[in-house]
Amino acid sequence: MTTRERRNGTEQASAVALRAGLTREQLDALTTLEHFRWELRFVRRPLFLEPIPVVFHPDGERYAVLEADGSLNENPGFEIRR
């Protein structure tokens, strides 16, 4: 097994872990967004609350939260450190 094969396996596992706990609507919206090169970078998981998936635009400057109904919230009420 090469380093690249190990890395790809790790990347696939982390992609699956990021999607864990998302609603069907969020997953469907994410699939559509990925066609436009948006990327799921992280998921905030506050205690006792639903996961908050954060997606980034391909330019890396804009981000949005995928709401539980699959809609995009480009003004989520929090800042992301860069």
N, C-alpha and C. Protein backbone atom coordinates (compact mmCIF):
# COMPACT_ATOMS: atom_id res chain seq x y z
N MET A 1 0.85 -1.18 0.00
CA MET A 1 0.00 0.00 0.00
C MET A 1 0.89 1.24 0.00
N THR A 2 0.61 2.15 -0.89
CA THR A 2 1.41 3.37 -0.99
C THR A 2 0.88 4.43 -0.03
N THR A 3 1.67 5.46 0.15
CA THR A 3 1.25 6.58 0.99
C THR A 3 0.00 7.23 0.44
N ARG A 4 -0.06 7.35 -0.88
CA ARG A 4 -1.23 7.97 -1.51
C ARG A 4 -2.50 7.14 -1.24
N GLU A 5 -2.40 5.82 -1.32
CA GLU A 5 -3.56 4.96 -1.05
C GLU A 5 -4.02 5.10 0.40
N ARG A 6 -3.06 5.18 1.33
CA ARG A 6 -3.42 5.36 2.74
C ARG A 6 -4.09 6.70 2.94
N ARG A 7 -3.55 7.74 2.32
CA ARG A 7 -4.11 9.08 2.46
C ARG A 7 -5.52 9.13 1.90
N ASN A 8 -5.76 8.53 0.75
CA ASN A 8 -7.09 8.52 0.15
C ASN A 8 -8.09 7.81 1.06
N GLY A 9 -7.66 6.73 1.68
CA GLY A 9 -8.53 6.02 2.62
C GLY A 9 -8.89 6.88 3.80
N THR A 10 -7.93 7.64 4.30
CA THR A 10 -8.17 8.54 5.42
C THR A 10 -9.10 9.67 5.01
N GLU A 11 -8.90 10.22 3.81
CA GLU A 11 -9.75 11.30 3.33
C GLU A 11 -11.19 10.81 3.16
N GLN A 12 -11.36 9.59 2.66
CA GLN A 12 -12.71 9.04 2.49
C GLN A 12 -13.37 8.83 3.84
N ALA A 13 -12.61 8.34 4.81
CA ALA A 13 -13.16 8.12 6.14
C ALA A 13 -13.58 9.44 6.78
N SER A 14 -12.77 10.49 6.60
CA SER A 14 -13.12 11.78 7.19
C SER A 14 -14.33 12.39 6.49
N ALA A 15 -14.47 12.18 5.17
CA ALA A 15 -15.65 12.67 4.45
C ALA A 15 -16.91 11.99 4.97
N VAL A 16 -16.83 10.71 5.23
CA VAL A 16 -17.98 9.97 5.78
C VAL A 16 -18.29 10.47 7.18
N ALA A 17 -17.27 10.70 7.99
CA ALA A 17 -17.47 11.19 9.35
C ALA A 17 -18.11 12.57 9.36
N LEU A 18 -17.71 13.44 8.42
CA LEU A 18 -18.30 14.78 8.34
C LEU A 18 -19.78 14.70 8.03
N ARG A 19 -20.19 13.77 7.20
CA ARG A 19 -21.59 13.65 6.79
C ARG A 19 -22.47 12.96 7.85
N ALA A 20 -21.86 12.30 8.80
CA ALA A 20 -22.61 11.58 9.84
C ALA A 20 -23.49 12.55 10.62
N GLY A 21 -24.75 12.22 10.75
CA GLY A 21 -25.67 13.03 11.53
C GLY A 21 -26.37 14.12 10.75
N LEU A 22 -26.03 14.30 9.47
CA LEU A 22 -26.71 15.31 8.67
C LEU A 22 -28.06 14.79 8.21
N THR A 23 -28.99 15.69 8.00
CA THR A 23 -30.33 15.30 7.54
C THR A 23 -30.28 14.92 6.06
N ARG A 24 -31.30 14.22 5.60
CA ARG A 24 -31.40 13.85 4.19
C ARG A 24 -31.39 15.11 3.32
N GLU A 25 -32.09 16.16 3.75
CA GLU A 25 -32.13 17.41 2.99
C GLU A 25 -30.75 18.05 2.90
N GLN A 26 -29.99 18.02 4.00
CA GLN A 26 -28.63 18.57 3.99
C GLN A 26 -27.73 17.78 3.04
N LEU A 27 -27.85 16.45 3.08
CA LEU A 27 -27.03 15.61 2.21
C LEU A 27 -27.37 15.84 0.74
N ASP A 28 -28.65 15.98 0.44
CA ASP A 28 -29.05 16.26 -0.95
C ASP A 28 -28.52 17.61 -1.42
N ALA A 29 -28.65 18.62 -0.56
CA ALA A 29 -28.15 19.95 -0.90
C ALA A 29 -26.64 19.93 -1.07
N LEU A 30 -25.95 19.19 -0.22
CA LEU A 30 -24.50 19.09 -0.30
C LEU A 30 -24.06 18.46 -1.62
N THR A 31 -24.76 17.43 -2.05
CA THR A 31 -24.46 16.80 -3.34
C THR A 31 -24.59 17.81 -4.47
N THR A 32 -25.64 18.61 -4.44
CA THR A 32 -25.83 19.64 -5.47
C THR A 32 -24.73 20.69 -5.40
N LEU A 33 -24.40 21.15 -4.20
CA LEU A 33 -23.35 22.16 -4.04
C LEU A 33 -21.99 21.66 -4.52
N GLU A 34 -21.73 20.38 -4.29
CA GLU A 34 -20.44 19.83 -4.72
C GLU A 34 -20.30 19.83 -6.25
N HIS A 35 -21.41 19.79 -6.95
CA HIS A 35 -21.36 19.91 -8.42
C HIS A 35 -20.86 21.29 -8.83
N PHE A 36 -21.07 22.27 -7.96
CA PHE A 36 -20.62 23.63 -8.21
C PHE A 36 -19.32 23.93 -7.47
N ARG A 37 -18.64 22.86 -7.01
CA ARG A 37 -17.33 22.90 -6.38
C ARG A 37 -17.31 23.49 -4.98
N TRP A 38 -18.48 23.63 -4.33
CA TRP A 38 -18.50 24.00 -2.92
C TRP A 38 -17.95 22.80 -2.15
N GLU A 39 -17.39 23.04 -0.98
CA GLU A 39 -16.74 21.98 -0.21
C GLU A 39 -17.19 22.01 1.24
N LEU A 40 -17.57 20.85 1.76
CA LEU A 40 -17.88 20.71 3.18
C LEU A 40 -16.54 20.63 3.91
N ARG A 41 -16.21 21.66 4.70
CA ARG A 41 -14.91 21.69 5.36
C ARG A 41 -14.95 21.21 6.80
N PHE A 42 -16.04 21.56 7.48
CA PHE A 42 -16.16 21.08 8.86
C PHE A 42 -17.61 21.12 9.29
N VAL A 43 -17.87 20.46 10.41
CA VAL A 43 -19.21 20.43 10.99
C VAL A 43 -19.06 20.80 12.46
N ARG A 44 -19.72 21.87 12.85
CA ARG A 44 -19.75 22.23 14.27
C ARG A 44 -20.73 21.28 14.95
N ARG A 45 -20.36 20.75 16.08
CA ARG A 45 -21.22 19.81 16.80
C ARG A 45 -21.39 20.28 18.25
N PRO A 46 -22.24 21.31 18.44
CA PRO A 46 -22.47 21.80 19.80
C PRO A 46 -23.22 20.75 20.63
N LEU A 47 -22.91 20.71 21.92
CA LEU A 47 -23.56 19.75 22.81
C LEU A 47 -25.08 19.94 22.80
N PHE A 48 -25.78 18.83 22.71
CA PHE A 48 -27.23 18.77 22.79
C PHE A 48 -27.95 19.52 21.66
N LEU A 49 -27.24 19.88 20.60
CA LEU A 49 -27.84 20.56 19.45
C LEU A 49 -27.52 19.79 18.18
N GLU A 50 -28.25 20.12 17.14
CA GLU A 50 -28.03 19.47 15.85
C GLU A 50 -26.68 19.91 15.26
N PRO A 51 -26.04 19.05 14.46
CA PRO A 51 -24.79 19.44 13.80
C PRO A 51 -25.00 20.63 12.87
N ILE A 52 -23.95 21.45 12.74
CA ILE A 52 -24.00 22.63 11.88
C ILE A 52 -22.93 22.49 10.81
N PRO A 53 -23.30 21.99 9.61
CA PRO A 53 -22.31 21.83 8.54
C PRO A 53 -21.97 23.17 7.89
N VAL A 54 -20.68 23.41 7.67
CA VAL A 54 -20.21 24.65 7.07
C VAL A 54 -19.54 24.32 5.74
N VAL A 55 -20.04 24.95 4.67
CA VAL A 55 -19.51 24.72 3.33
C VAL A 55 -18.83 26.00 2.85
N PHE A 56 -17.81 25.81 2.01
CA PHE A 56 -17.04 26.93 1.48
C PHE A 56 -17.16 26.99 -0.04
N HIS A 57 -17.27 28.20 -0.54
CA HIS A 57 -17.29 28.48 -1.97
C HIS A 57 -15.91 28.16 -2.53
N PRO A 58 -15.80 27.81 -3.81
CA PRO A 58 -14.50 27.47 -4.39
C PRO A 58 -13.44 28.58 -4.27
N ASP A 59 -13.87 29.84 -4.18
CA ASP A 59 -12.88 30.92 -4.05
C ASP A 59 -12.27 30.96 -2.65
N GLY A 60 -12.84 30.22 -1.70
CA GLY A 60 -12.30 30.14 -0.35
C GLY A 60 -12.65 31.32 0.53
N GLU A 61 -13.30 32.34 -0.02
CA GLU A 61 -13.63 33.54 0.74
C GLU A 61 -15.02 33.49 1.36
N ARG A 62 -15.97 32.89 0.67
CA ARG A 62 -17.34 32.84 1.15
C ARG A 62 -17.61 31.49 1.80
N TYR A 63 -18.45 31.52 2.83
CA TYR A 63 -18.89 30.28 3.47
C TYR A 63 -20.36 30.41 3.82
N ALA A 64 -20.98 29.27 4.06
CA ALA A 64 -22.39 29.25 4.43
C ALA A 64 -22.66 28.03 5.30
N VAL A 65 -23.74 28.10 6.03
CA VAL A 65 -24.20 26.98 6.85
C VAL A 65 -25.33 26.29 6.10
N LEU A 66 -25.28 24.97 6.08
CA LEU A 66 -26.38 24.19 5.50
C LEU A 66 -27.41 23.97 6.61
N GLU A 67 -28.56 24.60 6.47
CA GLU A 67 -29.61 24.46 7.47
C GLU A 67 -30.23 23.07 7.39
N ALA A 68 -30.98 22.68 8.42
CA ALA A 68 -31.56 21.33 8.49
C ALA A 68 -32.49 21.04 7.31
N ASP A 69 -33.11 22.08 6.73
CA ASP A 69 -34.02 21.88 5.60
C ASP A 69 -33.29 21.89 4.25
N GLY A 70 -31.96 22.01 4.28
CA GLY A 70 -31.17 22.00 3.06
C GLY A 70 -30.90 23.37 2.47
N SER A 71 -31.44 24.40 3.08
CA SER A 71 -31.19 25.76 2.57
C SER A 71 -29.82 26.26 3.04
N LEU A 72 -29.31 27.25 2.30
CA LEU A 72 -28.03 27.86 2.64
C LEU A 72 -28.25 29.13 3.45
N ASN A 73 -27.49 29.28 4.52
CA ASN A 73 -27.53 30.48 5.33
C ASN A 73 -26.16 31.13 5.22
N GLU A 74 -26.06 32.20 4.43
CA GLU A 74 -24.78 32.87 4.23
C GLU A 74 -24.48 33.89 5.32
N ASN A 75 -25.38 34.07 6.26
CA ASN A 75 -25.17 34.96 7.41
C ASN A 75 -25.48 34.19 8.69
N PRO A 76 -24.64 33.22 9.06
CA PRO A 76 -24.99 32.32 10.16
C PRO A 76 -24.88 32.94 11.56
N GLY A 77 -24.32 34.12 11.67
CA GLY A 77 -24.23 34.73 12.99
C GLY A 77 -22.94 34.41 13.73
N PHE A 78 -21.97 33.84 13.06
CA PHE A 78 -20.66 33.61 13.67
C PHE A 78 -19.58 33.82 12.62
N GLU A 79 -18.42 34.18 13.08
CA GLU A 79 -17.27 34.40 12.21
C GLU A 79 -16.38 33.16 12.23
N ILE A 80 -15.68 32.95 11.13
CA ILE A 80 -14.73 31.85 11.04
C ILE A 80 -13.33 32.43 11.00
N ARG A 81 -12.47 31.94 11.87
CA ARG A 81 -11.08 32.39 11.87
C ARG A 81 -10.39 31.87 10.63
N ARG A 82 -9.56 32.67 10.04
CA ARG A 82 -8.82 32.26 8.84
C ARG A 82 -7.36 32.20 9.11
